[in-house]
Each structure stands twice: as C-alpha cells, then as structure tokens.
Amino acid sequence: MRQTKTDPRLLLLTSILLISSVFAGRLHAHHTDTHFEDSSPHKIVYQCNQADNTYLTSVLFSVGELIRKYGDDVEIVVACFGQGIHLLGQIPERPISEELRQRASSLAAYGVAFHACGNTMKALNWDEKDLVDYAKMVPIGVDDIMQLQERGFSYFAW
C-alpha cells in the first residue's frame, strides 16, 4: 500500500481546527516571518471597523476559513480603524471578548497582519504602546487599504 506524505503544518492546523470547533475556535499554527515578501496567489484585506463581538466573530471566522483552505498560499491583512481598532488595544475601550482577542492573536501568530489606523489612534489619544504587540500602526487606515488593493489585494467589508 502506497503512503502519501502529509505536511506536518497541515496536520497541526487540521487538529487545531477540530479542537477549536469544540472550544469555540482558537486557531494557532506556524507561518513564516517572510510570508509577505513571497508572492502568494491569493491576497485579501478585510475592513474591520466595528467593535461588536458578533461582527468581529464573523471577520475572524472568515479569516480562519481562508487560512484553512489556502494555508500559506494566502496573504491576509485585517485593517482596523474606527471602533474596530479596539480589537488591537492592549486595554480596549470597548468590550471585546477575551476569546476574540485570543483568536486574533492566534491568527497573527499564523501570519495574518493586523493594521491599526494612526488617525483613529490619534483620536483616541493612543500610541503604539497602546496596541497589542502583533499590530502594525499605519498612518491612515483607508490609505493602507487603497495601497494594498494597488498591490493586488482583494477588499472585503461586512
């Protein structure tokens, strides 16, 4: 009988996804630090502009599903501005569930980029120390989305 080789990362991700369906979904897998310098066939930027837990659950679930389907063949950016920036706050000023904060952290560990709008941060009197360590501050959130689209990223908003 011929055996096929299975990528250990795929096995890990599959196991984690199975466990996450039981424990309300915590995604965590390894992703290379240089992923965004590689050319991926799929690129998407998600608009995240609300602090509502149902909305954030939908965004993060969709991100996880794309990773499950495409693995290392997708580049994902979650562009947070307006109320959505609270997902990236060390101490959010809006009620963001700990589960969602952990899910975002796990997705970031996999290679998903989380961008924080500098204009929104100024309005909140935040600076980079107010963000979680995996967040990247960009000067203007909408400009960031436009530049990502110019680089071939698809745009998705709820």
N, C-alpha and C. Protein backbone atom coordinates (compact mmCIF):
# COMPACT_ATOMS: atom_id res chain seq x y z
N MET A 1 0.84 -1.17 0.00
CA MET A 1 0.00 0.00 0.00
C MET A 1 0.88 1.24 0.00
N ARG A 2 0.59 2.19 -0.87
CA ARG A 2 1.38 3.40 -1.00
C ARG A 2 0.91 4.45 0.00
N GLN A 3 1.87 5.04 0.72
CA GLN A 3 1.53 6.08 1.68
C GLN A 3 1.86 7.43 1.07
N THR A 4 1.02 8.41 1.37
CA THR A 4 1.29 9.76 0.91
C THR A 4 1.86 10.56 2.07
N LYS A 5 2.72 11.50 1.75
CA LYS A 5 3.32 12.36 2.76
C LYS A 5 2.37 13.50 3.07
N THR A 6 2.14 13.76 4.33
CA THR A 6 1.29 14.86 4.73
C THR A 6 2.15 15.92 5.38
N ASP A 7 1.93 17.16 4.99
CA ASP A 7 2.65 18.29 5.54
C ASP A 7 2.33 18.39 7.03
N PRO A 8 3.34 18.37 7.91
CA PRO A 8 3.08 18.45 9.35
C PRO A 8 2.31 19.71 9.75
N ARG A 9 2.54 20.81 9.02
CA ARG A 9 1.80 22.04 9.35
C ARG A 9 0.32 21.87 9.05
N LEU A 10 0.00 21.15 7.97
CA LEU A 10 -1.40 20.90 7.63
C LEU A 10 -2.05 20.03 8.70
N LEU A 11 -1.33 19.01 9.16
CA LEU A 11 -1.86 18.18 10.24
C LEU A 11 -2.11 18.99 11.50
N LEU A 12 -1.16 19.87 11.85
CA LEU A 12 -1.31 20.71 13.03
C LEU A 12 -2.52 21.62 12.88
N LEU A 13 -2.63 22.28 11.74
CA LEU A 13 -3.75 23.19 11.52
C LEU A 13 -5.08 22.46 11.56
N THR A 14 -5.14 21.28 10.94
CA THR A 14 -6.37 20.48 10.94
C THR A 14 -6.74 20.09 12.36
N SER A 15 -5.77 19.65 13.14
CA SER A 15 -6.02 19.27 14.53
C SER A 15 -6.54 20.45 15.33
N ILE A 16 -5.90 21.59 15.14
CA ILE A 16 -6.31 22.78 15.88
C ILE A 16 -7.72 23.20 15.49
N LEU A 17 -8.03 23.12 14.20
CA LEU A 17 -9.38 23.49 13.77
C LEU A 17 -10.43 22.54 14.35
N LEU A 18 -10.10 21.26 14.44
CA LEU A 18 -11.04 20.31 15.04
C LEU A 18 -11.25 20.63 16.52
N ILE A 19 -10.17 20.90 17.21
CA ILE A 19 -10.28 21.24 18.63
C ILE A 19 -11.03 22.55 18.80
N SER A 20 -10.76 23.51 17.90
CA SER A 20 -11.40 24.81 18.02
C SER A 20 -12.91 24.74 17.83
N SER A 21 -13.38 23.79 17.03
CA SER A 21 -14.82 23.66 16.86
C SER A 21 -15.49 23.24 18.15
N VAL A 22 -14.75 22.55 19.01
CA VAL A 22 -15.29 22.14 20.30
C VAL A 22 -15.16 23.27 21.32
N PHE A 23 -14.05 23.99 21.29
CA PHE A 23 -13.78 25.02 22.29
C PHE A 23 -13.95 26.43 21.73
N ALA A 24 -14.92 26.65 20.89
CA ALA A 24 -15.28 27.96 20.36
C ALA A 24 -14.21 28.58 19.49
N GLY A 25 -13.33 27.78 18.95
CA GLY A 25 -12.43 28.20 17.89
C GLY A 25 -11.24 29.03 18.25
N ARG A 26 -10.15 28.41 18.64
CA ARG A 26 -8.88 29.11 18.77
C ARG A 26 -7.95 28.56 17.71
N LEU A 27 -7.53 29.41 16.79
CA LEU A 27 -6.66 28.98 15.70
C LEU A 27 -5.23 29.35 16.01
N HIS A 28 -4.31 28.42 15.85
CA HIS A 28 -2.91 28.72 16.07
C HIS A 28 -2.08 27.76 15.25
N ALA A 29 -1.25 28.29 14.42
CA ALA A 29 -0.34 27.48 13.61
C ALA A 29 0.88 28.31 13.30
N HIS A 30 1.87 27.69 12.71
CA HIS A 30 3.10 28.41 12.38
C HIS A 30 3.03 28.97 10.97
N HIS A 31 3.61 30.12 10.79
CA HIS A 31 3.67 30.76 9.49
C HIS A 31 5.01 31.47 9.41
N THR A 32 5.61 31.51 8.24
CA THR A 32 6.93 32.11 8.13
C THR A 32 6.87 33.62 8.32
N ASP A 33 7.93 34.18 8.87
CA ASP A 33 8.01 35.62 9.07
C ASP A 33 8.13 36.37 7.74
N THR A 34 8.61 35.71 6.72
CA THR A 34 8.84 36.37 5.44
C THR A 34 7.68 36.20 4.47
N HIS A 35 6.58 35.70 4.94
CA HIS A 35 5.45 35.39 4.05
C HIS A 35 5.07 36.57 3.16
N PHE A 36 5.02 37.78 3.71
CA PHE A 36 4.55 38.91 2.92
C PHE A 36 5.57 39.35 1.88
N GLU A 37 6.77 38.81 1.93
CA GLU A 37 7.74 39.10 0.89
C GLU A 37 7.66 38.06 -0.23
N ASP A 38 6.98 36.96 0.02
CA ASP A 38 6.75 35.97 -1.01
C ASP A 38 5.56 36.42 -1.84
N SER A 39 5.43 35.86 -3.01
CA SER A 39 4.28 36.16 -3.84
C SER A 39 3.25 35.06 -3.65
N SER A 40 2.14 35.41 -3.04
CA SER A 40 1.06 34.45 -2.84
C SER A 40 0.03 34.62 -3.94
N PRO A 41 -0.59 33.53 -4.36
CA PRO A 41 -1.62 33.64 -5.41
C PRO A 41 -2.89 34.33 -4.92
N HIS A 42 -3.10 34.37 -3.62
CA HIS A 42 -4.32 34.96 -3.07
C HIS A 42 -3.94 36.03 -2.05
N LYS A 43 -4.59 37.19 -2.15
CA LYS A 43 -4.31 38.31 -1.25
C LYS A 43 -5.64 38.98 -0.94
N ILE A 44 -5.88 39.24 0.35
CA ILE A 44 -7.14 39.88 0.73
C ILE A 44 -6.90 40.80 1.93
N VAL A 45 -7.59 41.92 1.92
CA VAL A 45 -7.60 42.82 3.06
C VAL A 45 -9.04 42.93 3.55
N TYR A 46 -9.22 42.71 4.84
CA TYR A 46 -10.53 42.82 5.49
C TYR A 46 -10.65 44.18 6.16
N GLN A 47 -11.75 44.84 5.94
CA GLN A 47 -12.06 46.05 6.69
C GLN A 47 -12.64 45.62 8.04
N CYS A 48 -12.12 46.17 9.11
CA CYS A 48 -12.63 45.88 10.45
C CYS A 48 -12.88 47.22 11.13
N ASN A 49 -14.13 47.66 11.16
CA ASN A 49 -14.43 48.99 11.69
C ASN A 49 -15.53 49.01 12.75
N GLN A 50 -15.78 47.87 13.36
CA GLN A 50 -16.78 47.80 14.43
C GLN A 50 -16.22 47.01 15.60
N ALA A 51 -16.71 47.33 16.79
CA ALA A 51 -16.25 46.64 17.99
C ALA A 51 -17.28 45.62 18.48
N ASP A 52 -18.33 45.42 17.74
CA ASP A 52 -19.37 44.47 18.10
C ASP A 52 -18.82 43.04 18.03
N ASN A 53 -19.03 42.26 19.09
CA ASN A 53 -18.47 40.91 19.15
C ASN A 53 -19.00 39.98 18.05
N THR A 54 -20.25 40.13 17.66
CA THR A 54 -20.80 39.30 16.58
C THR A 54 -20.10 39.63 15.26
N TYR A 55 -19.92 40.91 15.00
CA TYR A 55 -19.21 41.36 13.79
C TYR A 55 -17.78 40.83 13.79
N LEU A 56 -17.07 41.01 14.90
CA LEU A 56 -15.67 40.57 14.99
C LEU A 56 -15.56 39.04 14.86
N THR A 57 -16.52 38.33 15.42
CA THR A 57 -16.53 36.86 15.28
C THR A 57 -16.62 36.48 13.81
N SER A 58 -17.49 37.17 13.06
CA SER A 58 -17.64 36.87 11.64
C SER A 58 -16.36 37.16 10.86
N VAL A 59 -15.73 38.30 11.13
CA VAL A 59 -14.50 38.66 10.43
C VAL A 59 -13.41 37.62 10.72
N LEU A 60 -13.18 37.32 11.99
CA LEU A 60 -12.10 36.41 12.36
C LEU A 60 -12.39 34.98 11.91
N PHE A 61 -13.65 34.58 11.92
CA PHE A 61 -14.00 33.24 11.42
C PHE A 61 -13.67 33.15 9.93
N SER A 62 -14.04 34.19 9.17
CA SER A 62 -13.77 34.19 7.73
C SER A 62 -12.27 34.13 7.45
N VAL A 63 -11.49 34.88 8.21
CA VAL A 63 -10.03 34.85 8.07
C VAL A 63 -9.52 33.43 8.31
N GLY A 64 -9.99 32.80 9.38
CA GLY A 64 -9.58 31.43 9.68
C GLY A 64 -9.96 30.44 8.60
N GLU A 65 -11.12 30.63 8.00
CA GLU A 65 -11.55 29.74 6.93
C GLU A 65 -10.65 29.86 5.70
N LEU A 66 -10.23 31.08 5.39
CA LEU A 66 -9.32 31.25 4.25
C LEU A 66 -7.97 30.59 4.52
N ILE A 67 -7.49 30.69 5.74
CA ILE A 67 -6.23 30.03 6.09
C ILE A 67 -6.40 28.52 5.99
N ARG A 68 -7.54 28.03 6.47
CA ARG A 68 -7.79 26.59 6.40
C ARG A 68 -7.80 26.10 4.95
N LYS A 69 -8.40 26.90 4.08
CA LYS A 69 -8.49 26.50 2.68
C LYS A 69 -7.17 26.68 1.93
N TYR A 70 -6.48 27.80 2.13
CA TYR A 70 -5.32 28.13 1.30
C TYR A 70 -3.97 27.99 2.01
N GLY A 71 -3.96 27.85 3.34
CA GLY A 71 -2.69 27.70 4.05
C GLY A 71 -1.73 28.84 3.76
N ASP A 72 -0.52 28.50 3.33
CA ASP A 72 0.50 29.51 3.03
C ASP A 72 0.29 30.20 1.69
N ASP A 73 -0.75 29.85 0.96
CA ASP A 73 -1.00 30.44 -0.35
C ASP A 73 -1.94 31.64 -0.29
N VAL A 74 -2.07 32.24 0.88
CA VAL A 74 -2.92 33.42 1.01
C VAL A 74 -2.24 34.42 1.95
N GLU A 75 -2.29 35.68 1.56
CA GLU A 75 -1.83 36.77 2.41
C GLU A 75 -3.07 37.51 2.89
N ILE A 76 -3.15 37.72 4.18
CA ILE A 76 -4.34 38.35 4.76
C ILE A 76 -3.93 39.52 5.64
N VAL A 77 -4.61 40.64 5.44
CA VAL A 77 -4.45 41.81 6.29
C VAL A 77 -5.83 42.15 6.84
N VAL A 78 -5.90 42.41 8.13
CA VAL A 78 -7.12 42.91 8.75
C VAL A 78 -6.83 44.36 9.10
N ALA A 79 -7.50 45.28 8.39
CA ALA A 79 -7.30 46.71 8.57
C ALA A 79 -8.30 47.23 9.59
N CYS A 80 -7.80 47.61 10.75
CA CYS A 80 -8.67 48.04 11.85
C CYS A 80 -8.66 49.56 11.98
N PHE A 81 -9.84 50.13 11.99
CA PHE A 81 -9.99 51.57 12.20
C PHE A 81 -11.35 51.83 12.80
N GLY A 82 -11.62 53.07 13.17
CA GLY A 82 -12.88 53.36 13.85
C GLY A 82 -12.99 52.48 15.09
N GLN A 83 -14.18 52.03 15.40
CA GLN A 83 -14.39 51.20 16.59
C GLN A 83 -13.66 49.86 16.51
N GLY A 84 -13.38 49.38 15.30
CA GLY A 84 -12.70 48.11 15.13
C GLY A 84 -11.29 48.08 15.70
N ILE A 85 -10.69 49.25 15.89
CA ILE A 85 -9.33 49.31 16.40
C ILE A 85 -9.23 48.76 17.83
N HIS A 86 -10.34 48.73 18.53
CA HIS A 86 -10.32 48.23 19.91
C HIS A 86 -9.93 46.76 19.99
N LEU A 87 -10.10 46.03 18.90
CA LEU A 87 -9.63 44.64 18.85
C LEU A 87 -8.12 44.59 19.08
N LEU A 88 -7.41 45.65 18.71
CA LEU A 88 -5.96 45.68 18.79
C LEU A 88 -5.43 46.43 20.00
N GLY A 89 -6.32 46.88 20.86
CA GLY A 89 -5.88 47.64 22.03
C GLY A 89 -5.37 46.73 23.14
N GLN A 90 -4.25 47.14 23.76
CA GLN A 90 -3.78 46.43 24.96
C GLN A 90 -4.90 46.40 25.99
N ILE A 91 -5.54 47.53 26.16
CA ILE A 91 -6.70 47.66 27.04
C ILE A 91 -7.81 48.31 26.21
N PRO A 92 -8.63 47.49 25.55
CA PRO A 92 -9.67 48.05 24.68
C PRO A 92 -10.63 48.93 25.48
N GLU A 93 -11.05 50.01 24.86
CA GLU A 93 -12.02 50.91 25.50
C GLU A 93 -13.45 50.52 25.13
N ARG A 94 -13.59 49.49 24.35
CA ARG A 94 -14.89 48.90 24.01
C ARG A 94 -14.85 47.45 24.50
N PRO A 95 -16.00 46.86 24.80
CA PRO A 95 -16.00 45.48 25.31
C PRO A 95 -15.71 44.44 24.21
N ILE A 96 -14.47 43.99 24.15
CA ILE A 96 -14.05 42.95 23.21
C ILE A 96 -13.81 41.69 24.04
N SER A 97 -14.45 40.59 23.67
CA SER A 97 -14.31 39.36 24.46
C SER A 97 -12.87 38.85 24.43
N GLU A 98 -12.47 38.21 25.51
CA GLU A 98 -11.13 37.63 25.60
C GLU A 98 -10.95 36.55 24.53
N GLU A 99 -11.99 35.81 24.23
CA GLU A 99 -11.92 34.78 23.18
C GLU A 99 -11.54 35.40 21.83
N LEU A 100 -12.16 36.53 21.49
CA LEU A 100 -11.84 37.17 20.22
C LEU A 100 -10.43 37.73 20.21
N ARG A 101 -10.00 38.26 21.34
CA ARG A 101 -8.63 38.79 21.43
C ARG A 101 -7.63 37.65 21.27
N GLN A 102 -7.91 36.50 21.85
CA GLN A 102 -7.03 35.33 21.70
C GLN A 102 -7.06 34.81 20.27
N ARG A 103 -8.22 34.81 19.65
CA ARG A 103 -8.32 34.34 18.27
C ARG A 103 -7.51 35.23 17.34
N ALA A 104 -7.60 36.55 17.53
CA ALA A 104 -6.82 37.47 16.71
C ALA A 104 -5.33 37.23 16.92
N SER A 105 -4.92 37.03 18.16
CA SER A 105 -3.51 36.76 18.46
C SER A 105 -3.04 35.47 17.77
N SER A 106 -3.87 34.45 17.80
CA SER A 106 -3.52 33.19 17.14
C SER A 106 -3.41 33.36 15.63
N LEU A 107 -4.31 34.12 15.05
CA LEU A 107 -4.25 34.38 13.61
C LEU A 107 -2.98 35.16 13.27
N ALA A 108 -2.63 36.11 14.12
CA ALA A 108 -1.39 36.87 13.90
C ALA A 108 -0.17 35.95 13.97
N ALA A 109 -0.19 35.00 14.89
CA ALA A 109 0.92 34.05 15.00
C ALA A 109 1.03 33.21 13.74
N TYR A 110 -0.07 33.02 13.05
CA TYR A 110 -0.05 32.25 11.81
C TYR A 110 0.48 33.09 10.65
N GLY A 111 0.43 34.39 10.74
CA GLY A 111 0.93 35.25 9.67
C GLY A 111 -0.05 36.29 9.19
N VAL A 112 -1.24 36.31 9.76
CA VAL A 112 -2.21 37.35 9.40
C VAL A 112 -1.70 38.68 9.95
N ALA A 113 -1.71 39.71 9.11
CA ALA A 113 -1.27 41.03 9.54
C ALA A 113 -2.48 41.82 10.05
N PHE A 114 -2.31 42.49 11.16
CA PHE A 114 -3.34 43.36 11.72
C PHE A 114 -2.80 44.78 11.69
N HIS A 115 -3.45 45.65 10.90
CA HIS A 115 -3.01 47.03 10.77
C HIS A 115 -3.94 47.95 11.56
N ALA A 116 -3.34 48.87 12.29
CA ALA A 116 -4.09 49.83 13.11
C ALA A 116 -3.97 51.22 12.50
N CYS A 117 -5.09 51.87 12.32
CA CYS A 117 -5.14 53.20 11.71
C CYS A 117 -4.57 54.25 12.66
N GLY A 118 -3.54 54.96 12.21
CA GLY A 118 -2.93 56.01 13.01
C GLY A 118 -3.88 57.16 13.30
N ASN A 119 -4.75 57.50 12.35
CA ASN A 119 -5.71 58.58 12.60
C ASN A 119 -6.68 58.21 13.71
N THR A 120 -7.17 57.00 13.69
CA THR A 120 -8.06 56.55 14.76
C THR A 120 -7.33 56.56 16.09
N MET A 121 -6.08 56.12 16.08
CA MET A 121 -5.29 56.11 17.31
C MET A 121 -5.13 57.53 17.86
N LYS A 122 -4.88 58.49 16.99
CA LYS A 122 -4.75 59.90 17.43
C LYS A 122 -6.05 60.37 18.09
N ALA A 123 -7.18 60.01 17.48
CA ALA A 123 -8.48 60.41 18.03
C ALA A 123 -8.71 59.83 19.42
N LEU A 124 -8.13 58.66 19.67
CA LEU A 124 -8.27 58.00 20.98
C LEU A 124 -7.13 58.37 21.95
N ASN A 125 -6.21 59.19 21.48
CA ASN A 125 -5.00 59.52 22.25
C ASN A 125 -4.18 58.27 22.56
N TRP A 126 -4.12 57.37 21.60
CA TRP A 126 -3.30 56.16 21.71
C TRP A 126 -2.01 56.35 20.95
N ASP A 127 -0.98 55.62 21.36
CA ASP A 127 0.22 55.50 20.55
C ASP A 127 0.55 54.01 20.45
N GLU A 128 1.69 53.68 19.87
CA GLU A 128 1.99 52.27 19.60
C GLU A 128 2.04 51.41 20.85
N LYS A 129 2.38 51.97 21.98
CA LYS A 129 2.42 51.18 23.22
C LYS A 129 1.01 50.75 23.67
N ASP A 130 -0.01 51.39 23.14
CA ASP A 130 -1.39 51.03 23.48
C ASP A 130 -1.91 49.86 22.65
N LEU A 131 -1.11 49.42 21.67
CA LEU A 131 -1.51 48.31 20.80
C LEU A 131 -0.93 46.98 21.27
N VAL A 132 -1.60 45.90 20.91
CA VAL A 132 -1.05 44.57 21.13
C VAL A 132 0.23 44.47 20.31
N ASP A 133 1.13 43.58 20.72
CA ASP A 133 2.45 43.52 20.09
C ASP A 133 2.43 43.10 18.62
N TYR A 134 1.41 42.41 18.18
CA TYR A 134 1.39 41.95 16.78
C TYR A 134 0.77 42.97 15.83
N ALA A 135 0.24 44.06 16.34
CA ALA A 135 -0.39 45.08 15.48
C ALA A 135 0.67 45.99 14.87
N LYS A 136 0.41 46.41 13.65
CA LYS A 136 1.28 47.36 12.96
C LYS A 136 0.50 48.64 12.74
N MET A 137 1.03 49.75 13.22
CA MET A 137 0.37 51.03 13.01
C MET A 137 0.68 51.52 11.59
N VAL A 138 -0.36 51.97 10.90
CA VAL A 138 -0.22 52.61 9.60
C VAL A 138 -0.75 54.03 9.75
N PRO A 139 -0.20 54.99 9.01
CA PRO A 139 -0.63 56.38 9.21
C PRO A 139 -2.12 56.61 8.99
N ILE A 140 -2.66 56.08 7.88
CA ILE A 140 -4.07 56.31 7.53
C ILE A 140 -4.65 54.97 7.09
N GLY A 141 -5.63 54.47 7.80
CA GLY A 141 -6.20 53.15 7.52
C GLY A 141 -6.75 52.99 6.11
N VAL A 142 -7.49 53.99 5.64
CA VAL A 142 -8.09 53.90 4.31
C VAL A 142 -7.01 53.95 3.24
N ASP A 143 -5.98 54.75 3.46
CA ASP A 143 -4.86 54.80 2.52
C ASP A 143 -4.16 53.44 2.47
N ASP A 144 -4.02 52.81 3.62
CA ASP A 144 -3.41 51.47 3.69
C ASP A 144 -4.21 50.48 2.84
N ILE A 145 -5.54 50.51 2.97
CA ILE A 145 -6.39 49.62 2.19
C ILE A 145 -6.21 49.90 0.69
N MET A 146 -6.18 51.18 0.33
CA MET A 146 -6.00 51.53 -1.08
C MET A 146 -4.66 51.02 -1.61
N GLN A 147 -3.60 51.21 -0.83
CA GLN A 147 -2.28 50.76 -1.28
C GLN A 147 -2.22 49.24 -1.39
N LEU A 148 -2.88 48.54 -0.48
CA LEU A 148 -2.92 47.08 -0.57
C LEU A 148 -3.68 46.64 -1.82
N GLN A 149 -4.77 47.32 -2.14
CA GLN A 149 -5.51 46.99 -3.37
C GLN A 149 -4.63 47.24 -4.59
N GLU A 150 -3.85 48.30 -4.57
CA GLU A 150 -2.96 48.59 -5.69
C GLU A 150 -1.89 47.50 -5.84
N ARG A 151 -1.58 46.79 -4.75
CA ARG A 151 -0.63 45.68 -4.78
C ARG A 151 -1.31 44.36 -5.10
N GLY A 152 -2.60 44.39 -5.43
CA GLY A 152 -3.29 43.16 -5.84
C GLY A 152 -4.16 42.52 -4.79
N PHE A 153 -4.34 43.15 -3.63
CA PHE A 153 -5.19 42.59 -2.59
C PHE A 153 -6.66 42.83 -2.94
N SER A 154 -7.47 41.82 -2.75
CA SER A 154 -8.92 41.98 -2.84
C SER A 154 -9.38 42.66 -1.56
N TYR A 155 -10.49 43.39 -1.64
CA TYR A 155 -11.01 44.13 -0.49
C TYR A 155 -12.33 43.49 -0.06
N PHE A 156 -12.45 43.28 1.24
CA PHE A 156 -13.69 42.71 1.75
C PHE A 156 -14.16 43.49 2.96
N ALA A 157 -15.43 43.84 2.97
CA ALA A 157 -16.03 44.55 4.10
C ALA A 157 -17.41 43.96 4.38
N TRP A 158 -17.76 43.91 5.65
CA TRP A 158 -19.09 43.45 6.04
C TRP A 158 -20.03 44.62 5.96
